[in-house]
Amino acid sequence: MKKVYIALVIIVLIAVAIGARVFYFKKNFELISPKKGDVVEAIYGLGRVESDQEFNVKIGVLSIVEKLYVKEGQRVKKGDRLISFEGRVLFKAPFDGTVTLVANKEREIVLPQFTVLTLKNLNQKYVEVSLEQDAALRVLPKQRARLVFESQSQLKYEGYVKTIYPREGEFITRIEVEGLEKSILPGMTADVVIEVGKKKDVLLIPVKAISDGKVLRMRNKKREKVDVTTGNSDGMWVEVVSGDINLDDLIFIKR
């Protein structure tokens, strides 16, 4: 009788353990089927808005500010007076724009080659992205780009790669963007996605399903971790280049 009791306890414990495990997986994971489809390969980067017209006032010798004609934030027209220095050195606006920097006050001494005043055209803007070498090698002019500003996540801007070039050890990509709102100012940042390739009718699994190069797979009611090698990704789904994954399988994803 004692042996029967022990056996029953063991059976109950096993059943509880199995139930707890099933409950854990149901609560913490969902099952997603792989699919066949097209995937766009993309390069991701953080872009910075820049002005296409910028004028910096500098002077070549030690001097004194004689007269300031503008203040920071002031809009000016081409030809308006900006600043003058002793010796009748006068600077005028070379284009319509907004004064974004006034570094000195009247009668203050200015050091040579020091930026005293900056004028920018806030209506002519582009986005600049610094890329790692591996990413830069895959970026070409005219490739499509999409941009999202964090504070305007509901708005997605379209653009394209204008050019890519080196600058002091960085690889800079210039993105021309259509219809940037006036509220988007130079210095603001955006998440940038540059489309560099596309594959059709490939096996896809969710990116979130992959952990340390492995996927937890359900096949014939059995769970098993399998190694996978991935390829192109659009950020949500990723191409399976190699690995024992079939369309009939189910893939575990953490909730």
C-alpha atoms as a PDB file:
ATOM      1  CA  MET A   1       0.000   0.000   0.000  1.00  0.00           C
ATOM      2  CA  LYS A   2       2.843   2.303   0.855  1.00  0.00           C
ATOM      3  CA  LYS A   3       4.429   1.703  -2.575  1.00  0.00           C
ATOM      4  CA  VAL A   4       1.143   2.519  -4.296  1.00  0.00           C
ATOM      5  CA  TYR A   5       0.874   5.745  -2.292  1.00  0.00           C
ATOM      6  CA  ILE A   6       4.420   6.760  -3.209  1.00  0.00           C
ATOM      7  CA  ALA A   7       3.736   5.997  -6.887  1.00  0.00           C
ATOM      8  CA  LEU A   8       0.599   8.136  -6.791  1.00  0.00           C
ATOM      9  CA  VAL A   9       2.489  11.018  -5.193  1.00  0.00           C
ATOM     10  CA  ILE A  10       5.175  10.770  -7.865  1.00  0.00           C
ATOM     11  CA  ILE A  11       2.525  10.739 -10.624  1.00  0.00           C
ATOM     12  CA  VAL A  12       0.822  13.777  -9.106  1.00  0.00           C
ATOM     13  CA  LEU A  13       4.125  15.639  -8.807  1.00  0.00           C
ATOM     14  CA  ILE A  14       5.005  14.866 -12.408  1.00  0.00           C
ATOM     15  CA  ALA A  15       1.558  16.024 -13.539  1.00  0.00           C
ATOM     16  CA  VAL A  16       1.922  19.238 -11.522  1.00  0.00           C
ATOM     17  CA  ALA A  17       5.393  19.848 -12.967  1.00  0.00           C
ATOM     18  CA  ILE A  18       4.128  19.294 -16.502  1.00  0.00           C
ATOM     19  CA  GLY A  19       1.140  21.538 -15.867  1.00  0.00           C
ATOM     20  CA  ALA A  20       3.341  24.265 -14.407  1.00  0.00           C
ATOM     21  CA  ARG A  21       5.663  24.064 -17.379  1.00  0.00           C
ATOM     22  CA  VAL A  22       2.762  24.254 -19.831  1.00  0.00           C
ATOM     23  CA  PHE A  23       1.297  27.208 -17.914  1.00  0.00           C
ATOM     24  CA  TYR A  24       4.692  28.947 -17.948  1.00  0.00           C
ATOM     25  CA  PHE A  25       5.066  28.609 -21.711  1.00  0.00           C
ATOM     26  CA  LYS A  26       1.486  29.716 -22.372  1.00  0.00           C
ATOM     27  CA  LYS A  27       1.927  32.766 -20.153  1.00  0.00           C
ATOM     28  CA  ASN A  28       5.361  33.837 -21.383  1.00  0.00           C
ATOM     29  CA  PHE A  29       5.447  32.687 -25.005  1.00  0.00           C
ATOM     30  CA  GLU A  30       3.303  32.734 -28.099  1.00  0.00           C
ATOM     31  CA  LEU A  31       3.578  30.409 -31.075  1.00  0.00           C
ATOM     32  CA  ILE A  32       4.158  31.853 -34.539  1.00  0.00           C
ATOM     33  CA  SER A  33       4.365  29.981 -37.835  1.00  0.00           C
ATOM     34  CA  PRO A  34       7.258  30.620 -40.229  1.00  0.00           C
ATOM     35  CA  LYS A  35       6.203  32.060 -43.565  1.00  0.00           C
ATOM     36  CA  LYS A  36       7.372  32.547 -47.116  1.00  0.00           C
ATOM     37  CA  GLY A  37       7.626  36.096 -48.381  1.00  0.00           C
ATOM     38  CA  ASP A  38       9.715  39.002 -49.568  1.00  0.00           C
ATOM     39  CA  VAL A  39      12.121  40.788 -47.288  1.00  0.00           C
ATOM     40  CA  VAL A  40      13.826  44.127 -47.666  1.00  0.00           C
ATOM     41  CA  GLU A  41      17.337  44.314 -46.304  1.00  0.00           C
ATOM     42  CA  ALA A  42      18.067  47.584 -44.577  1.00  0.00           C
ATOM     43  CA  ILE A  43      20.852  49.558 -42.928  1.00  0.00           C
ATOM     44  CA  TYR A  44      19.869  51.336 -39.710  1.00  0.00           C
ATOM     45  CA  GLY A  45      21.408  54.537 -38.404  1.00  0.00           C
ATOM     46  CA  LEU A  46      20.819  57.679 -36.396  1.00  0.00           C
ATOM     47  CA  GLY A  47      20.437  60.701 -38.627  1.00  0.00           C
ATOM     48  CA  ARG A  48      20.995  64.348 -37.816  1.00  0.00           C
ATOM     49  CA  VAL A  49      19.228  67.212 -39.557  1.00  0.00           C
ATOM     50  CA  GLU A  50      21.601  69.727 -41.140  1.00  0.00           C
ATOM     51  CA  SER A  51      21.108  73.009 -42.966  1.00  0.00           C
ATOM     52  CA  ASP A  52      22.124  73.191 -46.597  1.00  0.00           C
ATOM     53  CA  GLN A  53      23.115  76.844 -46.209  1.00  0.00           C
ATOM     54  CA  GLU A  54      25.261  77.928 -43.279  1.00  0.00           C
ATOM     55  CA  PHE A  55      27.387  81.045 -42.883  1.00  0.00           C
ATOM     56  CA  ASN A  56      29.902  81.423 -40.039  1.00  0.00           C
ATOM     57  CA  VAL A  57      31.410  84.793 -39.258  1.00  0.00           C
ATOM     58  CA  LYS A  58      35.107  84.597 -38.371  1.00  0.00           C
ATOM     59  CA  ILE A  59      37.858  87.168 -38.460  1.00  0.00           C
ATOM     60  CA  GLY A  60      41.523  86.575 -39.178  1.00  0.00           C
ATOM     61  CA  VAL A  61      43.080  88.847 -36.539  1.00  0.00           C
ATOM     62  CA  LEU A  62      42.449  89.805 -32.932  1.00  0.00           C
ATOM     63  CA  SER A  63      39.622  92.334 -32.996  1.00  0.00           C
ATOM     64  CA  ILE A  64      36.767  93.955 -31.055  1.00  0.00           C
ATOM     65  CA  VAL A  65      33.057  93.725 -31.816  1.00  0.00           C
ATOM     66  CA  GLU A  66      31.986  97.215 -32.760  1.00  0.00           C
ATOM     67  CA  LYS A  67      28.289  96.724 -33.489  1.00  0.00           C
ATOM     68  CA  LEU A  68      25.784  93.856 -33.363  1.00  0.00           C
ATOM     69  CA  TYR A  69      22.800  94.321 -35.661  1.00  0.00           C
ATOM     70  CA  VAL A  70      21.020  91.035 -34.879  1.00  0.00           C
ATOM     71  CA  LYS A  71      20.101  88.705 -32.038  1.00  0.00           C
ATOM     72  CA  GLU A  72      19.959  84.908 -31.796  1.00  0.00           C
ATOM     73  CA  GLY A  73      16.761  83.562 -33.343  1.00  0.00           C
ATOM     74  CA  GLN A  74      16.282  86.630 -35.538  1.00  0.00           C
ATOM     75  CA  ARG A  75      15.343  86.146 -39.176  1.00  0.00           C
ATOM     76  CA  VAL A  76      17.202  88.257 -41.707  1.00  0.00           C
ATOM     77  CA  LYS A  77      17.100  88.934 -45.438  1.00  0.00           C
ATOM     78  CA  LYS A  78      19.974  88.679 -47.857  1.00  0.00           C
ATOM     79  CA  GLY A  79      22.060  91.846 -47.582  1.00  0.00           C
ATOM     80  CA  ASP A  80      21.006  92.727 -44.007  1.00  0.00           C
ATOM     81  CA  ARG A  81      23.820  93.839 -41.715  1.00  0.00           C
ATOM     82  CA  LEU A  82      24.897  91.229 -39.155  1.00  0.00           C
ATOM     83  CA  ILE A  83      27.979  92.424 -37.272  1.00  0.00           C
ATOM     84  CA  SER A  84      30.873  94.852 -37.591  1.00  0.00           C
ATOM     85  CA  PHE A  85      34.343  94.937 -36.079  1.00  0.00           C
ATOM     86  CA  GLU A  86      36.773  97.747 -35.361  1.00  0.00           C
ATOM     87  CA  GLY A  87      38.485  98.803 -38.529  1.00  0.00           C
ATOM     88  CA  ARG A  88      35.193  99.057 -40.439  1.00  0.00           C
ATOM     89  CA  VAL A  89      34.922  95.333 -41.114  1.00  0.00           C
ATOM     90  CA  LEU A  90      31.230  94.695 -41.770  1.00  0.00           C
ATOM     91  CA  PHE A  91      29.538  91.354 -42.429  1.00  0.00           C
ATOM     92  CA  LYS A  92      26.176  91.119 -44.229  1.00  0.00           C
ATOM     93  CA  ALA A  93      23.815  88.164 -44.688  1.00  0.00           C
ATOM     94  CA  PRO A  94      24.690  86.246 -47.896  1.00  0.00           C
ATOM     95  CA  PHE A  95      21.203  84.655 -47.961  1.00  0.00           C
ATOM     96  CA  ASP A  96      17.824  84.739 -46.206  1.00  0.00           C
ATOM     97  CA  GLY A  97      18.100  82.852 -42.938  1.00  0.00           C
ATOM     98  CA  THR A  98      17.952  82.697 -39.145  1.00  0.00           C
ATOM     99  CA  VAL A  99      20.719  83.733 -36.764  1.00  0.00           C
ATOM    100  CA  THR A 100      21.462  80.651 -34.641  1.00  0.00           C
ATOM    101  CA  LEU A 101      24.561  81.858 -32.757  1.00  0.00           C
ATOM    102  CA  VAL A 102      25.856  85.156 -31.414  1.00  0.00           C
ATOM    103  CA  ALA A 103      28.914  84.312 -29.327  1.00  0.00           C
ATOM    104  CA  ASN A 104      30.096  87.789 -28.335  1.00  0.00           C
ATOM    105  CA  LYS A 105      28.689  91.072 -27.092  1.00  0.00           C
ATOM    106  CA  GLU A 106      29.554  94.534 -28.319  1.00  0.00           C
ATOM    107  CA  ARG A 107      33.019  95.768 -27.271  1.00  0.00           C
ATOM    108  CA  GLU A 108      34.204  92.237 -26.506  1.00  0.00           C
ATOM    109  CA  ILE A 109      37.511  90.989 -27.865  1.00  0.00           C
ATOM    110  CA  VAL A 110      37.319  88.272 -30.513  1.00  0.00           C
ATOM    111  CA  LEU A 111      40.079  85.732 -31.075  1.00  0.00           C
ATOM    112  CA  PRO A 112      41.280  84.938 -34.607  1.00  0.00           C
ATOM    113  CA  GLN A 113      39.321  82.206 -36.441  1.00  0.00           C
ATOM    114  CA  PHE A 114      36.761  82.030 -33.640  1.00  0.00           C
ATOM    115  CA  THR A 115      33.122  81.675 -34.786  1.00  0.00           C
ATOM    116  CA  VAL A 116      31.382  84.831 -33.637  1.00  0.00           C
ATOM    117  CA  LEU A 117      28.060  84.475 -35.437  1.00  0.00           C
ATOM    118  CA  THR A 118      26.241  81.753 -37.374  1.00  0.00           C
ATOM    119  CA  LEU A 119      23.460  82.163 -39.929  1.00  0.00           C
ATOM    120  CA  LYS A 120      21.473  79.172 -41.225  1.00  0.00           C
ATOM    121  CA  ASN A 121      18.746  78.681 -43.804  1.00  0.00           C
ATOM    122  CA  LEU A 122      16.183  76.622 -41.898  1.00  0.00           C
ATOM    123  CA  ASN A 123      14.147  75.945 -45.031  1.00  0.00           C
ATOM    124  CA  GLN A 124      16.836  74.011 -46.879  1.00  0.00           C
ATOM    125  CA  LYS A 125      17.530  70.871 -44.852  1.00  0.00           C
ATOM    126  CA  TYR A 126      18.897  67.391 -45.322  1.00  0.00           C
ATOM    127  CA  VAL A 127      19.729  64.468 -43.016  1.00  0.00           C
ATOM    128  CA  GLU A 128      23.239  63.207 -42.384  1.00  0.00           C
ATOM    129  CA  VAL A 129      23.989  59.663 -41.182  1.00  0.00           C
ATOM    130  CA  SER A 130      27.382  58.358 -40.026  1.00  0.00           C
ATOM    131  CA  LEU A 131      27.843  54.671 -40.896  1.00  0.00           C
ATOM    132  CA  GLU A 132      30.282  51.923 -40.024  1.00  0.00           C
ATOM    133  CA  GLN A 133      32.487  50.706 -42.872  1.00  0.00           C
ATOM    134  CA  ASP A 134      30.583  47.435 -43.406  1.00  0.00           C
ATOM    135  CA  ALA A 135      27.301  49.317 -43.743  1.00  0.00           C
ATOM    136  CA  ALA A 136      28.787  52.077 -45.891  1.00  0.00           C
ATOM    137  CA  LEU A 137      30.034  49.518 -48.429  1.00  0.00           C
ATOM    138  CA  ARG A 138      26.416  48.523 -49.144  1.00  0.00           C
ATOM    139  CA  VAL A 139      24.965  52.015 -49.489  1.00  0.00           C
ATOM    140  CA  LEU A 140      24.609  53.533 -52.963  1.00  0.00           C
ATOM    141  CA  PRO A 141      23.141  56.772 -54.351  1.00  0.00           C
ATOM    142  CA  LYS A 142      19.384  56.738 -55.083  1.00  0.00           C
ATOM    143  CA  GLN A 143      18.645  53.988 -52.552  1.00  0.00           C
ATOM    144  CA  ARG A 144      15.364  54.567 -50.739  1.00  0.00           C
ATOM    145  CA  ALA A 145      15.358  55.780 -47.127  1.00  0.00           C
ATOM    146  CA  ARG A 146      12.698  56.116 -44.452  1.00  0.00           C
ATOM    147  CA  LEU A 147      12.915  58.390 -41.415  1.00  0.00           C
ATOM    148  CA  VAL A 148      11.044  58.633 -38.127  1.00  0.00           C
ATOM    149  CA  PHE A 149      11.523  61.325 -35.486  1.00  0.00           C
ATOM    150  CA  GLU A 150      10.989  60.094 -31.937  1.00  0.00           C
ATOM    151  CA  SER A 151       8.520  62.830 -31.025  1.00  0.00           C
ATOM    152  CA  GLN A 152       6.609  62.252 -34.289  1.00  0.00           C
ATOM    153  CA  SER A 153       6.535  58.466 -34.409  1.00  0.00           C
ATOM    154  CA  GLN A 154       3.222  58.554 -36.279  1.00  0.00           C
ATOM    155  CA  LEU A 155       4.878  60.373 -39.199  1.00  0.00           C
ATOM    156  CA  LYS A 156       7.219  58.570 -41.584  1.00  0.00           C
ATOM    157  CA  TYR A 157       9.256  60.630 -44.018  1.00  0.00           C
ATOM    158  CA  GLU A 158      10.485  59.315 -47.349  1.00  0.00           C
ATOM    159  CA  GLY A 159      13.875  60.149 -48.822  1.00  0.00           C
ATOM    160  CA  TYR A 160      16.783  58.822 -50.825  1.00  0.00           C
ATOM    161  CA  VAL A 161      20.560  58.595 -50.639  1.00  0.00           C
ATOM    162  CA  LYS A 162      22.106  61.581 -52.397  1.00  0.00           C
ATOM    163  CA  THR A 163      25.750  60.762 -51.805  1.00  0.00           C
ATOM    164  CA  ILE A 164      28.175  58.980 -49.470  1.00  0.00           C
ATOM    165  CA  TYR A 165      31.659  60.246 -48.651  1.00  0.00           C
ATOM    166  CA  PRO A 166      34.428  60.007 -46.023  1.00  0.00           C
ATOM    167  CA  ARG A 167      35.020  62.642 -43.355  1.00  0.00           C
ATOM    168  CA  GLU A 168      37.758  62.350 -40.738  1.00  0.00           C
ATOM    169  CA  GLY A 169      37.483  58.574 -40.421  1.00  0.00           C
ATOM    170  CA  GLU A 170      33.671  58.492 -40.654  1.00  0.00           C
ATOM    171  CA  PHE A 171      31.520  57.503 -43.626  1.00  0.00           C
ATOM    172  CA  ILE A 172      28.803  60.082 -44.120  1.00  0.00           C
ATOM    173  CA  THR A 173      25.571  59.457 -46.010  1.00  0.00           C
ATOM    174  CA  ARG A 174      23.552  62.446 -47.136  1.00  0.00           C
ATOM    175  CA  ILE A 175      19.803  61.774 -47.255  1.00  0.00           C
ATOM    176  CA  GLU A 176      17.503  64.082 -49.195  1.00  0.00           C
ATOM    177  CA  VAL A 177      14.085  64.093 -47.495  1.00  0.00           C
ATOM    178  CA  GLU A 178      10.753  65.079 -48.998  1.00  0.00           C
ATOM    179  CA  GLY A 179       8.391  67.393 -47.124  1.00  0.00           C
ATOM    180  CA  LEU A 180      10.210  67.940 -43.828  1.00  0.00           C
ATOM    181  CA  GLU A 181       7.966  70.069 -41.630  1.00  0.00           C
ATOM    182  CA  LYS A 182       9.110  73.517 -40.515  1.00  0.00           C
ATOM    183  CA  SER A 183       9.142  72.254 -36.930  1.00  0.00           C
ATOM    184  CA  ILE A 184      12.026  69.909 -37.859  1.00  0.00           C
ATOM    185  CA  LEU A 185      15.147  71.958 -37.150  1.00  0.00           C
ATOM    186  CA  PRO A 186      18.885  71.442 -37.739  1.00  0.00           C
ATOM    187  CA  GLY A 187      20.390  69.443 -34.890  1.00  0.00           C
ATOM    188  CA  MET A 188      17.333  67.208 -34.417  1.00  0.00           C
ATOM    189  CA  THR A 189      17.812  63.453 -34.793  1.00  0.00           C
ATOM    190  CA  ALA A 190      15.817  60.715 -36.511  1.00  0.00           C
ATOM    191  CA  ASP A 191      15.932  56.949 -36.884  1.00  0.00           C
ATOM    192  CA  VAL A 192      16.933  56.239 -40.481  1.00  0.00           C
ATOM    193  CA  VAL A 193      16.347  53.037 -42.473  1.00  0.00           C
ATOM    194  CA  ILE A 194      18.187  52.731 -45.810  1.00  0.00           C
ATOM    195  CA  GLU A 195      16.941  49.943 -48.089  1.00  0.00           C
ATOM    196  CA  VAL A 196      19.962  48.190 -49.610  1.00  0.00           C
ATOM    197  CA  GLY A 197      18.490  44.949 -50.998  1.00  0.00           C
ATOM    198  CA  LYS A 198      15.465  42.736 -51.471  1.00  0.00           C
ATOM    199  CA  LYS A 199      14.849  38.989 -51.710  1.00  0.00           C
ATOM    200  CA  LYS A 200      11.652  37.312 -52.850  1.00  0.00           C
ATOM    201  CA  ASP A 201       9.879  34.169 -51.645  1.00  0.00           C
ATOM    202  CA  VAL A 202      12.286  33.257 -48.851  1.00  0.00           C
ATOM    203  CA  LEU A 203      11.631  31.453 -45.549  1.00  0.00           C
ATOM    204  CA  LEU A 204      11.060  34.001 -42.785  1.00  0.00           C
ATOM    205  CA  ILE A 205      10.838  33.828 -39.002  1.00  0.00           C
ATOM    206  CA  PRO A 206      10.307  36.635 -36.463  1.00  0.00           C
ATOM    207  CA  VAL A 207      13.493  38.381 -35.349  1.00  0.00           C
ATOM    208  CA  LYS A 208      12.351  38.121 -31.716  1.00  0.00           C
ATOM    209  CA  ALA A 209      12.410  34.329 -31.953  1.00  0.00           C
ATOM    210  CA  ILE A 210      16.208  34.234 -32.202  1.00  0.00           C
ATOM    211  CA  SER A 211      18.412  34.095 -29.114  1.00  0.00           C
ATOM    212  CA  ASP A 212      22.153  33.471 -29.369  1.00  0.00           C
ATOM    213  CA  GLY A 213      21.708  32.047 -32.851  1.00  0.00           C
ATOM    214  CA  LYS A 214      19.070  29.530 -31.732  1.00  0.00           C
ATOM    215  CA  VAL A 215      15.307  29.176 -32.138  1.00  0.00           C
ATOM    216  CA  LEU A 216      12.920  27.257 -29.878  1.00  0.00           C
ATOM    217  CA  ARG A 217      10.852  25.167 -32.282  1.00  0.00           C
ATOM    218  CA  MET A 218       7.717  23.058 -31.835  1.00  0.00           C
ATOM    219  CA  ARG A 219       7.439  20.067 -34.193  1.00  0.00           C
ATOM    220  CA  ASN A 220       5.153  17.068 -33.706  1.00  0.00           C
ATOM    221  CA  LYS A 221       4.301  18.421 -30.217  1.00  0.00           C
ATOM    222  CA  LYS A 222       7.978  18.364 -29.216  1.00  0.00           C
ATOM    223  CA  ARG A 223      10.016  21.406 -28.250  1.00  0.00           C
ATOM    224  CA  GLU A 224      13.600  21.671 -29.434  1.00  0.00           C
ATOM    225  CA  LYS A 225      16.239  24.379 -29.758  1.00  0.00           C
ATOM    226  CA  VAL A 226      17.776  24.486 -33.209  1.00  0.00           C
ATOM    227  CA  ASP A 227      20.644  26.508 -34.671  1.00  0.00           C
ATOM    228  CA  VAL A 228      19.790  28.944 -37.459  1.00  0.00           C
ATOM    229  CA  THR A 229      21.786  31.146 -39.793  1.00  0.00           C
ATOM    230  CA  THR A 230      19.975  34.279 -40.868  1.00  0.00           C
ATOM    231  CA  GLY A 231      20.239  36.678 -43.782  1.00  0.00           C
ATOM    232  CA  ASN A 232      18.212  39.707 -44.812  1.00  0.00           C
ATOM    233  CA  SER A 233      15.975  41.364 -42.247  1.00  0.00           C
ATOM    234  CA  ASP A 234      13.435  44.174 -42.273  1.00  0.00           C
ATOM    235  CA  GLY A 235      13.615  44.550 -38.502  1.00  0.00           C
ATOM    236  CA  MET A 236      10.542  42.383 -37.819  1.00  0.00           C
ATOM    237  CA  TRP A 237      11.133  39.261 -39.923  1.00  0.00           C
ATOM    238  CA  VAL A 238      14.438  37.699 -40.902  1.00  0.00           C
ATOM    239  CA  GLU A 239      15.437  35.315 -43.673  1.00  0.00           C
ATOM    240  CA  VAL A 240      16.466  31.785 -42.659  1.00  0.00           C
ATOM    241  CA  VAL A 241      19.561  30.904 -44.682  1.00  0.00           C
ATOM    242  CA  SER A 242      20.166  27.562 -42.972  1.00  0.00           C
ATOM    243  CA  GLY A 243      18.640  25.621 -40.106  1.00  0.00           C
ATOM    244  CA  ASP A 244      16.049  22.888 -39.582  1.00  0.00           C
ATOM    245  CA  ILE A 245      12.939  25.088 -39.853  1.00  0.00           C
ATOM    246  CA  ASN A 246       9.857  24.126 -41.899  1.00  0.00           C
ATOM    247  CA  LEU A 247       6.672  26.002 -42.715  1.00  0.00           C
ATOM    248  CA  ASP A 248       4.714  23.428 -40.663  1.00  0.00           C
ATOM    249  CA  ASP A 249       6.723  24.179 -37.508  1.00  0.00           C
ATOM    250  CA  LEU A 250       5.719  26.563 -34.732  1.00  0.00           C
ATOM    251  CA  ILE A 251       8.219  29.045 -33.314  1.00  0.00           C
ATOM    252  CA  PHE A 252       8.220  30.260 -29.707  1.00  0.00           C
ATOM    253  CA  ILE A 253       8.367  34.009 -29.156  1.00  0.00           C
ATOM    254  CA  LYS A 254       8.551  35.724 -25.796  1.00  0.00           C
ATOM    255  CA  ARG A 255       5.549  37.932 -25.075  1.00  0.00           C
END
